[in-house]
């Protein structure tokens, strides 16, 4: 089992920055990929960024050049640095962990609200 706790959301003005954190605990040794998703009201959940255990990073096109995903292995924490925020970034952001112990499993955090005002 893996437990995920997000933090760092809030209200920020257009062009501002926030850093989200996702602290993992439990059976973290089997985690292959950590992802950040977001879900805006009335929209489907969207993959924002991902980082593999090998360090491979991917982003959705809409955040490239503005968001940075990173991890601190010593703290078992993944971050999402969000710069140049836009109103369309407003959403609940969720941390997701994929692990493999003979079969794939996915774990979710509780979500953290990010609101960008214009």
Protein backbone atom coordinates (compact mmCIF):
# COMPACT_ATOMS: atom_id res chain seq x y z
CA UNK A 1 0.00 0.00 0.00
CA UNK A 2 1.07 3.55 -0.77
CA UNK A 3 -0.29 6.67 0.88
CA UNK A 4 -0.08 10.05 -0.84
CA UNK A 5 -0.63 13.45 0.74
CA UNK A 6 -0.69 16.58 -1.41
CA UNK A 7 -0.15 20.12 -0.21
CA UNK A 8 0.63 23.54 -1.58
CA UNK A 9 -2.55 24.53 -3.35
CA UNK A 10 -4.15 27.92 -2.96
CA UNK A 11 -5.34 31.05 -4.68
CA UNK A 12 -2.93 32.96 -6.87
CA UNK A 13 -3.23 35.75 -9.41
CA UNK A 14 -2.65 35.47 -13.14
CA UNK A 15 1.07 35.02 -13.76
CA UNK A 16 1.79 33.84 -10.22
CA UNK A 17 3.47 30.69 -9.00
CA UNK A 18 2.70 27.79 -6.70
CA UNK A 19 4.57 24.66 -5.74
CA UNK A 20 2.61 21.51 -5.04
CA UNK A 21 4.07 18.70 -2.96
CA UNK A 22 3.11 15.05 -2.83
CA UNK A 23 4.55 13.08 0.06
CA UNK A 24 4.53 9.32 -0.36
CA UNK A 25 4.66 6.74 2.41
CA UNK A 26 4.20 3.00 2.74
CA UNK A 27 5.52 0.59 0.12
CA UNK A 28 7.27 3.27 -1.91
CA UNK A 29 10.06 1.00 -3.11
CA UNK A 30 7.76 -0.47 -5.77
CA UNK A 31 6.65 2.86 -7.27
CA UNK A 32 7.48 3.11 -10.97
CA UNK A 33 5.86 6.39 -11.95
CA UNK A 34 4.57 9.44 -10.13
CA UNK A 35 2.06 11.62 -11.91
CA UNK A 36 0.18 14.86 -11.37
CA UNK A 37 -3.36 15.05 -12.72
CA UNK A 38 -5.86 17.88 -12.57
CA UNK A 39 -9.59 18.12 -12.87
CA UNK A 40 -11.43 21.34 -13.57
CA UNK A 41 -15.17 21.69 -12.89
CA UNK A 42 -17.18 19.93 -15.57
CA UNK A 43 -14.10 18.47 -17.24
CA UNK A 44 -12.39 15.11 -17.29
CA UNK A 45 -9.30 14.46 -15.21
CA UNK A 46 -6.22 15.38 -17.21
CA UNK A 47 -2.65 14.14 -16.92
CA UNK A 48 -0.38 17.13 -16.33
CA UNK A 49 3.09 15.70 -15.73
CA UNK A 50 4.84 12.44 -14.95
CA UNK A 51 8.23 11.33 -13.68
CA UNK A 52 9.48 7.76 -13.75
CA UNK A 53 11.80 6.05 -11.31
CA UNK A 54 14.45 6.36 -14.00
CA UNK A 55 13.96 10.10 -14.21
CA UNK A 56 12.06 10.30 -17.48
CA UNK A 57 9.72 13.33 -17.47
CA UNK A 58 6.72 14.16 -19.62
CA UNK A 59 4.28 17.08 -19.67
CA UNK A 60 0.99 17.85 -21.29
CA UNK A 61 1.54 20.45 -24.03
CA UNK A 62 -0.46 23.15 -22.24
CA UNK A 63 2.00 23.33 -19.34
CA UNK A 64 5.32 22.84 -21.13
CA UNK A 65 7.74 25.61 -20.27
CA UNK A 66 5.66 26.70 -17.26
CA UNK A 67 5.46 23.64 -14.99
CA UNK A 68 8.31 21.52 -13.66
CA UNK A 69 7.95 18.14 -12.02
CA UNK A 70 10.74 16.96 -9.74
CA UNK A 71 11.33 14.60 -6.88
CA UNK A 72 13.35 14.40 -3.70
CA UNK A 73 14.06 10.73 -3.04
CA UNK A 74 15.37 11.43 0.44
CA UNK A 75 12.02 12.96 1.39
CA UNK A 76 9.90 10.58 -0.72
CA UNK A 77 8.26 13.65 -2.18
CA UNK A 78 7.35 14.75 -5.68
CA UNK A 79 6.86 18.41 -6.53
CA UNK A 80 5.07 20.34 -9.21
CA UNK A 81 6.43 23.85 -9.61
CA UNK A 82 3.86 25.91 -11.47
CA UNK A 83 4.88 29.27 -12.91
CA UNK A 84 3.11 31.77 -15.14
CA UNK A 85 -0.22 30.45 -13.97
CA UNK A 86 -3.32 31.09 -16.02
CA UNK A 87 -7.02 30.96 -15.12
CA UNK A 88 -7.31 27.78 -17.18
CA UNK A 89 -4.92 26.08 -14.74
CA UNK A 90 -7.63 26.32 -12.10
CA UNK A 91 -8.45 22.78 -10.98
CA UNK A 92 -8.10 20.24 -8.25
CA UNK A 93 -4.64 18.72 -8.61
CA UNK A 94 -4.13 15.08 -7.71
CA UNK A 95 -0.99 13.09 -7.13
CA UNK A 96 -0.92 9.55 -8.49
CA UNK A 97 1.51 6.70 -7.91
CA UNK A 98 1.87 3.63 -10.08
CA UNK A 99 3.54 0.62 -8.54
CA UNK A 100 4.26 -2.89 -9.69
CA UNK A 101 4.51 -5.94 -7.43
CA UNK A 102 3.53 -8.55 -9.97
CA UNK A 103 0.61 -6.43 -11.13
CA UNK A 104 0.01 -2.74 -11.61
CA UNK A 105 -1.69 -0.70 -8.93
CA UNK A 106 -2.55 2.97 -8.76
CA UNK A 107 -2.87 5.18 -5.73
CA UNK A 108 -4.32 8.67 -5.43
CA UNK A 109 -3.96 11.54 -3.05
CA UNK A 110 -6.89 13.53 -1.76
CA UNK A 111 -6.32 16.45 -4.11
CA UNK A 112 -5.41 20.07 -3.58
CA UNK A 113 -7.29 23.04 -5.04
CA UNK A 114 -5.46 25.52 -7.25
CA UNK A 115 -7.34 28.68 -8.20
CA UNK A 116 -5.90 31.29 -10.54
CA UNK A 117 -7.71 34.60 -10.62
CA UNK A 118 -7.56 37.09 -13.44
